[in-house]
Amino acid sequence: MDRKVVHIVGTGTIGEPLIGILCEQKSNLGIDEITFHKHSPLTKDAPKIKNLISKGARLSVLEDRVESFKEIGLDPEFTMDEAISRSSVVIDCTPSGHGHSNKENFYKKYTDKVKGFLAQGSENGFGKKYARGINDHVINSEDQFLQIVSCNTHNIACLVNTIALSISPDNLVDGKFVCIRRSNDISQTGSFVPAPTVNNHGHPLYGTHHAEDAAGLFKTMNLDLDLFSSAMKVNSQYMHTVWFNLKVKEPTSKDKVIDLLKGNDRIALTEHHSTNEVFSFGRDQGLYGRILNQTVIVEESINVRNDHEISGFCFTPQDGNSILSSIAATVRFLNPHSYQDKINTLGPFFFDRV
């Protein structure tokens, strides 16, 4: 039987925790081996790479950089081409734009050997859009390339799917969202904004890419939804916050909405109103410091106006929800007939309340 090998390209805010989680959980998830790719031989990254290797992950680098990595005390086992050619699934976690470049330069050469390729939210057009628990049923054996949608897109899609579409596929009238984004990840030193900064509306119909991507996700299910998002950054490094407003056809109430939210195990409710409190909970109680739920909703913020308009605030577990979808898609490629049971082994890392 062929070994089930997962190769992660990139060691950033998604790649690093994903490598660690897969190393720790691989026996539960039906994975035999984890390899990963590091692009640049930076001495400041050497401790991180050594720790990932100590967890059992095996390092690949570009062929012309092998000696440079050895000079900083790292001994790569594979070149990029070697690692991809022996992989069952490749997960691209590189910065925006690199996923498409890697697809053209590396991945397309190995479509006869690799079962599936994944890229993260910024790689629009890489493959069919995917979010765990939203469109699993439309992913099929022909979908070798998948795009894991962004963290805020996961959040928006989960809200729409749970509050509106779970009643009926045509229940949503329209959905509006304001993504109040944290400035940068706590691991990053660049791109911090000194004050709240608004984004332009790049799309005349959907506003920012968050609603556009969520609409694209639902289009894989033959649903054409009226969604619109705005976005801004604030000078915080904790979590994204989303304000939502969903108009629905069927009358509802706050109690009914909360019951729907409680019925989805990928949603957590919280009494906390501040992102630092929720972030701290994830750091202390989550898997590798991540909350894997799609969204964390501030329960007291939920309001139902005139029986048909639901509003509220929620926090986005950035990284966590994207990591979950990356793992789910990976395990599905490896074990298409038993992946649900294997994914369920991560159940202890989902929270009903935060």
Protein backbone atom coordinates (compact mmCIF):
# COMPACT_ATOMS: atom_id res chain seq x y z
CA MET A 1 0.00 0.00 0.00
CA ASP A 2 1.30 3.47 -0.90
CA ARG A 3 2.39 5.67 1.98
CA LYS A 4 0.09 8.61 2.60
CA VAL A 5 2.39 11.62 2.56
CA VAL A 6 1.27 15.23 3.05
CA HIS A 7 3.57 18.02 1.88
CA ILE A 8 3.09 21.59 3.19
CA VAL A 9 4.65 24.45 1.24
CA GLY A 10 5.38 27.41 3.50
CA THR A 11 5.94 27.87 7.23
CA GLY A 12 4.02 31.09 7.92
CA THR A 13 0.92 31.82 9.96
CA ILE A 14 -1.01 28.88 8.48
CA GLY A 15 1.81 26.58 7.38
CA GLU A 16 3.68 26.34 10.69
CA PRO A 17 0.72 25.38 12.94
CA LEU A 18 -0.65 23.11 10.20
CA ILE A 19 2.63 21.17 10.07
CA GLY A 20 2.64 20.82 13.86
CA ILE A 21 -1.00 19.74 14.07
CA LEU A 22 -0.62 17.16 11.31
CA CYS A 23 2.51 15.72 12.95
CA GLU A 24 0.68 15.42 16.26
CA GLN A 25 -2.59 14.08 14.83
CA LYS A 26 -1.36 12.06 11.84
CA SER A 27 -2.20 8.61 13.25
CA ASN A 28 -5.79 9.72 13.97
CA LEU A 29 -6.11 11.29 10.53
CA GLY A 30 -4.73 8.36 8.52
CA ILE A 31 -1.48 10.09 7.50
CA ASP A 32 1.86 8.28 7.39
CA GLU A 33 4.32 11.11 6.85
CA ILE A 34 4.61 14.91 6.83
CA THR A 35 7.09 16.82 4.68
CA PHE A 36 7.36 20.59 4.33
CA HIS A 37 9.06 23.18 2.17
CA LYS A 38 11.06 26.20 3.35
CA HIS A 39 11.93 28.78 0.73
CA SER A 40 14.66 30.95 2.27
CA PRO A 41 17.59 29.89 4.51
CA LEU A 42 17.17 32.52 7.24
CA THR A 43 19.03 32.06 10.52
CA LYS A 44 16.15 33.64 12.46
CA ASP A 45 13.86 30.86 11.19
CA ALA A 46 16.28 28.02 12.00
CA PRO A 47 14.91 27.35 15.53
CA LYS A 48 11.37 27.04 14.16
CA ILE A 49 12.47 24.66 11.40
CA LYS A 50 14.48 22.54 13.84
CA ASN A 51 11.45 22.22 16.10
CA LEU A 52 9.23 21.15 13.21
CA ILE A 53 11.81 18.53 12.23
CA SER A 54 11.94 17.32 15.85
CA LYS A 55 8.18 16.73 15.65
CA GLY A 56 8.76 14.36 12.74
CA ALA A 57 8.33 16.62 9.69
CA ARG A 58 10.91 16.25 6.90
CA LEU A 59 12.40 19.31 5.20
CA SER A 60 12.53 20.13 1.48
CA VAL A 61 14.15 23.16 -0.16
CA LEU A 62 14.90 24.38 -3.67
CA GLU A 63 17.70 22.40 -5.28
CA ASP A 64 20.05 25.39 -5.58
CA ARG A 65 19.65 26.26 -1.87
CA VAL A 66 20.55 22.94 -0.27
CA GLU A 67 24.06 24.08 0.66
CA SER A 68 22.80 27.41 2.01
CA PHE A 69 20.49 25.57 4.40
CA LYS A 70 23.31 23.30 5.51
CA GLU A 71 25.39 26.38 6.33
CA ILE A 72 22.79 27.45 8.94
CA GLY A 73 22.62 23.98 10.51
CA LEU A 74 19.67 22.52 8.60
CA ASP A 75 19.99 19.34 6.52
CA PRO A 76 17.22 19.11 3.89
CA GLU A 77 16.09 15.61 2.93
CA PHE A 78 14.41 16.53 -0.36
CA THR A 79 14.34 19.09 -3.10
CA MET A 80 11.02 20.73 -3.91
CA ASP A 81 10.43 18.46 -6.92
CA GLU A 82 11.37 15.33 -4.98
CA ALA A 83 9.01 16.17 -2.11
CA ILE A 84 6.05 16.91 -4.40
CA SER A 85 6.60 13.84 -6.58
CA ARG A 86 6.40 11.51 -3.56
CA SER A 87 3.40 13.25 -1.95
CA SER A 88 -0.23 12.21 -1.81
CA VAL A 89 -1.50 15.73 -1.04
CA VAL A 90 0.22 19.13 -1.33
CA ILE A 91 -0.99 22.09 0.76
CA ASP A 92 0.29 25.47 -0.41
CA CYS A 93 0.48 27.99 2.45
CA THR A 94 2.67 30.59 0.75
CA PRO A 95 1.97 34.36 0.58
CA SER A 96 -0.51 35.75 -1.95
CA GLY A 97 0.26 34.98 -5.57
CA HIS A 98 2.87 32.29 -4.94
CA GLY A 99 0.29 29.49 -5.02
CA HIS A 100 -0.55 30.17 -8.65
CA SER A 101 3.15 30.41 -9.51
CA ASN A 102 3.86 27.11 -7.76
CA LYS A 103 0.93 25.51 -9.59
CA GLU A 104 2.42 26.45 -12.95
CA ASN A 105 6.06 25.71 -12.09
CA PHE A 106 5.70 22.59 -9.94
CA TYR A 107 2.23 21.17 -9.28
CA LYS A 108 0.97 20.67 -12.84
CA LYS A 109 3.94 18.36 -13.52
CA TYR A 110 2.73 15.90 -10.90
CA THR A 111 -1.03 15.72 -11.41
CA ASP A 112 -0.67 12.06 -12.34
CA LYS A 113 1.05 11.28 -9.03
CA VAL A 114 -0.51 13.61 -6.43
CA LYS A 115 -4.13 13.10 -5.40
CA GLY A 116 -4.87 16.68 -4.47
CA PHE A 117 -3.49 20.21 -4.26
CA LEU A 118 -4.76 22.89 -1.88
CA ALA A 119 -4.07 26.63 -1.73
CA GLN A 120 -5.23 29.25 0.75
CA GLY A 121 -7.76 32.08 0.49
CA SER A 122 -5.72 34.62 -1.47
CA GLU A 123 -5.27 32.23 -4.43
CA ASN A 124 -8.53 32.96 -6.23
CA GLY A 125 -8.92 30.69 -9.26
CA PHE A 126 -6.50 28.04 -8.01
CA GLY A 127 -9.32 25.49 -7.89
CA LYS A 128 -12.88 24.96 -6.63
CA LYS A 129 -13.60 27.00 -3.51
CA TYR A 130 -14.03 24.92 -0.34
CA ALA A 131 -15.01 25.43 3.30
CA ARG A 132 -15.62 22.59 5.71
CA GLY A 133 -19.30 22.13 6.53
CA ILE A 134 -20.49 24.40 3.73
CA ASN A 135 -19.97 22.69 0.36
CA ASP A 136 -18.49 19.27 1.19
CA HIS A 137 -21.26 17.61 -0.80
CA VAL A 138 -20.24 19.23 -4.10
CA ILE A 139 -16.56 18.23 -3.90
CA ASN A 140 -15.97 15.22 -6.15
CA SER A 141 -13.19 13.06 -7.56
CA GLU A 142 -12.61 15.52 -10.42
CA ASP A 143 -11.66 18.34 -8.02
CA GLN A 144 -7.91 17.82 -7.80
CA PHE A 145 -7.24 21.51 -7.09
CA LEU A 146 -9.08 23.26 -4.22
CA GLN A 147 -8.95 26.78 -2.87
CA ILE A 148 -9.48 26.98 0.89
CA VAL A 149 -11.39 30.25 1.29
CA SER A 150 -10.16 32.97 3.65
CA CYS A 151 -10.89 33.05 7.37
CA ASN A 152 -13.47 35.87 7.14
CA THR A 153 -15.10 34.15 4.16
CA HIS A 154 -15.45 31.02 6.33
CA ASN A 155 -17.13 33.16 8.98
CA ILE A 156 -19.55 34.86 6.56
CA ALA A 157 -20.45 31.59 4.85
CA CYS A 158 -21.07 29.84 8.16
CA LEU A 159 -23.40 32.63 9.33
CA VAL A 160 -25.39 32.59 6.09
CA ASN A 161 -25.56 28.80 5.94
CA THR A 162 -26.66 28.39 9.55
CA ILE A 163 -29.02 31.32 10.15
CA ALA A 164 -30.67 31.57 6.72
CA LEU A 165 -30.09 28.60 4.43
CA SER A 166 -30.66 25.91 7.05
CA ILE A 167 -34.33 26.97 6.99
CA SER A 168 -34.58 26.75 3.19
CA PRO A 169 -32.21 27.36 0.25
CA ASP A 170 -34.12 30.50 -0.79
CA ASN A 171 -34.63 31.96 2.70
CA LEU A 172 -31.94 34.66 2.42
CA VAL A 173 -33.05 38.02 1.03
CA ASP A 174 -29.63 39.64 1.39
CA GLY A 175 -26.63 39.69 3.68
CA LYS A 176 -24.39 42.63 4.62
CA PHE A 177 -21.13 42.39 6.55
CA VAL A 178 -18.47 44.70 7.93
CA CYS A 179 -15.14 42.95 8.43
CA ILE A 180 -13.22 44.82 11.12
CA ARG A 181 -9.84 43.22 10.55
CA ARG A 182 -6.98 42.98 12.97
CA SER A 183 -3.90 44.72 11.63
CA ASN A 184 -1.48 41.80 11.32
CA ASP A 185 -0.74 38.51 13.03
CA ILE A 186 1.13 38.63 16.33
CA SER A 187 3.98 36.78 14.59
CA GLN A 188 4.37 39.55 12.00
CA THR A 189 6.17 42.86 12.34
CA GLY A 190 5.14 44.45 9.02
CA SER A 191 1.84 45.91 7.78
CA PHE A 192 0.71 47.21 11.17
CA VAL A 193 -1.63 50.19 10.78
CA PRO A 194 -1.31 53.13 13.21
CA ALA A 195 -5.05 53.93 13.17
CA PRO A 196 -8.34 52.49 11.88
CA THR A 197 -8.02 52.33 8.09
CA VAL A 198 -10.86 51.67 5.64
CA ASN A 199 -10.67 49.51 2.50
CA ASN A 200 -12.04 50.43 -0.90
CA HIS A 201 -14.99 48.53 -2.35
CA GLY A 202 -13.24 46.75 -5.19
CA HIS A 203 -16.32 45.00 -6.54
CA PRO A 204 -19.48 46.94 -7.53
CA LEU A 205 -21.80 44.06 -6.59
CA TYR A 206 -20.12 42.43 -3.59
CA GLY A 207 -17.97 45.22 -2.14
CA THR A 208 -14.79 43.58 -0.82
CA HIS A 209 -13.46 40.13 -1.67
CA HIS A 210 -14.94 38.63 1.51
CA ALA A 211 -18.54 38.68 0.25
CA GLU A 212 -17.39 38.02 -3.32
CA ASP A 213 -15.57 34.86 -2.21
CA ALA A 214 -18.49 33.76 -0.03
CA ALA A 215 -20.84 34.19 -2.99
CA GLY A 216 -18.41 32.19 -5.13
CA LEU A 217 -18.38 29.46 -2.51
CA PHE A 218 -22.18 29.21 -2.60
CA LYS A 219 -22.15 29.25 -6.41
CA THR A 220 -20.43 25.85 -6.25
CA MET A 221 -23.78 24.75 -4.77
CA ASN A 222 -25.76 26.50 -7.54
CA LEU A 223 -26.87 29.26 -5.16
CA ASP A 224 -26.71 32.89 -6.30
CA LEU A 225 -26.81 34.96 -3.11
CA ASP A 226 -27.08 38.71 -2.58
CA LEU A 227 -24.07 39.41 -0.32
CA PHE A 228 -22.12 42.63 0.29
CA SER A 229 -19.14 43.33 2.53
CA SER A 230 -17.08 46.29 3.64
CA ALA A 231 -13.73 46.03 5.41
CA MET A 232 -11.36 48.05 7.53
CA LYS A 233 -8.25 47.43 9.60
CA VAL A 234 -7.80 48.48 13.22
CA ASN A 235 -4.58 48.81 15.19
CA SER A 236 -4.90 45.50 17.07
CA GLN A 237 -3.20 42.14 16.58
CA TYR A 238 -5.79 39.91 18.21
CA MET A 239 -8.72 38.79 16.02
CA HIS A 240 -10.93 39.92 13.17
CA THR A 241 -14.44 41.06 14.14
CA VAL A 242 -17.44 40.81 11.79
CA TRP A 243 -20.71 42.73 12.04
CA PHE A 244 -23.46 40.92 10.16
CA ASN A 245 -26.97 41.81 8.98
CA LEU A 246 -29.06 39.06 7.38
CA LYS A 247 -32.55 39.65 6.00
CA VAL A 248 -34.62 36.48 5.70
CA LYS A 249 -38.02 35.56 4.26
CA GLU A 250 -39.19 33.32 7.09
CA PRO A 251 -40.06 35.11 10.36
CA THR A 252 -37.74 34.34 13.24
CA SER A 253 -36.78 35.42 16.77
CA LYS A 254 -33.65 35.80 18.83
CA ASP A 255 -34.33 32.51 20.60
CA LYS A 256 -34.78 30.69 17.28
CA VAL A 257 -31.54 32.16 15.93
CA ILE A 258 -29.61 31.14 19.03
CA ASP A 259 -31.03 27.62 18.77
CA LEU A 260 -29.79 27.42 15.17
CA LEU A 261 -26.33 28.61 16.24
CA LYS A 262 -26.18 26.12 19.12
CA GLY A 263 -27.09 23.33 16.72
CA ASN A 264 -23.95 23.86 14.64
CA ASP A 265 -20.89 22.35 16.33
CA ARG A 266 -18.62 24.55 14.19
CA ILE A 267 -20.02 27.65 15.90
CA ALA A 268 -19.06 28.81 19.38
CA LEU A 269 -21.02 31.33 21.45
CA THR A 270 -19.42 33.65 23.97
CA GLU A 271 -20.30 36.18 26.66
CA HIS A 272 -17.03 38.00 26.02
CA HIS A 273 -17.20 41.27 24.14
CA SER A 274 -13.47 41.80 23.60
CA THR A 275 -11.22 40.01 21.14
CA ASN A 276 -8.35 39.76 23.63
CA GLU A 277 -10.44 37.57 25.93
CA VAL A 278 -11.44 35.21 23.11
CA PHE A 279 -7.90 35.19 21.69
CA SER A 280 -6.51 34.33 25.12
CA PHE A 281 -8.95 31.42 25.44
CA GLY A 282 -7.79 30.05 22.09
CA ARG A 283 -4.14 30.47 23.02
CA ASP A 284 -4.62 28.55 26.26
CA GLN A 285 -7.28 25.98 25.34
CA GLY A 286 -7.07 25.53 21.56
CA LEU A 287 -5.08 23.15 19.38
CA TYR A 288 -1.72 24.85 18.86
CA GLY A 289 -3.38 27.97 20.26
CA ARG A 290 -6.08 27.92 17.57
CA ILE A 291 -9.85 27.82 17.82
CA LEU A 292 -11.00 25.48 15.03
CA ASN A 293 -14.61 26.71 15.03
CA GLN A 294 -15.73 28.69 11.98
CA THR A 295 -16.85 31.64 14.11
CA VAL A 296 -17.27 32.81 17.71
CA ILE A 297 -20.53 34.77 18.10
CA VAL A 298 -21.16 37.31 20.85
CA GLU A 299 -24.48 35.94 22.07
CA GLU A 300 -25.75 39.16 23.68
CA SER A 301 -25.09 41.11 20.46
CA ILE A 302 -27.69 39.18 18.45
CA ASN A 303 -30.72 41.29 17.56
CA VAL A 304 -33.81 40.41 15.50
CA ARG A 305 -35.63 43.40 14.00
CA ASN A 306 -39.19 43.13 12.67
CA ASP A 307 -38.98 39.31 12.72
CA HIS A 308 -36.91 39.23 9.51
CA GLU A 309 -33.60 41.07 10.07
CA ILE A 310 -30.85 39.46 12.16
CA SER A 311 -27.82 41.46 13.26
CA GLY A 312 -24.88 40.82 15.56
CA PHE A 313 -21.14 40.69 16.08
CA CYS A 314 -18.79 37.73 15.93
CA PHE A 315 -15.05 37.04 16.02
CA THR A 316 -13.14 35.19 13.32
CA PRO A 317 -10.73 32.44 14.45
CA GLN A 318 -8.28 33.35 11.70
CA ASP A 319 -5.98 30.45 10.87
CA GLY A 320 -8.15 28.05 12.87
CA ASN A 321 -11.09 27.75 10.48
CA SER A 322 -8.79 27.69 7.42
CA ILE A 323 -6.62 25.04 9.06
CA LEU A 324 -9.70 22.89 9.74
CA SER A 325 -10.78 23.06 6.10
CA SER A 326 -7.22 22.30 4.94
CA ILE A 327 -7.12 19.22 7.17
CA ALA A 328 -10.62 18.10 6.13
CA ALA A 329 -9.82 18.37 2.42
CA THR A 330 -6.50 16.59 2.90
CA VAL A 331 -8.02 13.67 4.79
CA ARG A 332 -10.76 13.41 2.18
CA PHE A 333 -8.17 13.07 -0.61
CA LEU A 334 -6.36 10.38 1.40
CA ASN A 335 -9.36 8.47 2.76
CA PRO A 336 -12.46 9.31 0.68
CA HIS A 337 -14.61 6.59 2.29
CA SER A 338 -13.67 7.14 5.94
CA TYR A 339 -12.63 10.78 6.18
CA GLN A 340 -15.68 11.83 8.22
CA ASP A 341 -14.76 9.50 11.08
CA LYS A 342 -11.14 10.60 10.96
CA ILE A 343 -12.04 14.30 11.03
CA ASN A 344 -14.32 13.66 14.00
CA THR A 345 -11.24 12.77 16.07
CA LEU A 346 -10.62 16.55 16.21
CA GLY A 347 -13.96 16.97 18.05
CA PRO A 348 -12.35 17.75 21.44
CA PHE A 349 -10.82 20.89 19.93
CA PHE A 350 -14.19 22.45 19.04
CA PHE A 351 -15.93 24.58 21.64
CA ASP A 352 -19.63 25.16 22.28
CA ARG A 353 -18.75 28.23 24.33
CA VAL A 354 -15.69 30.42 24.67
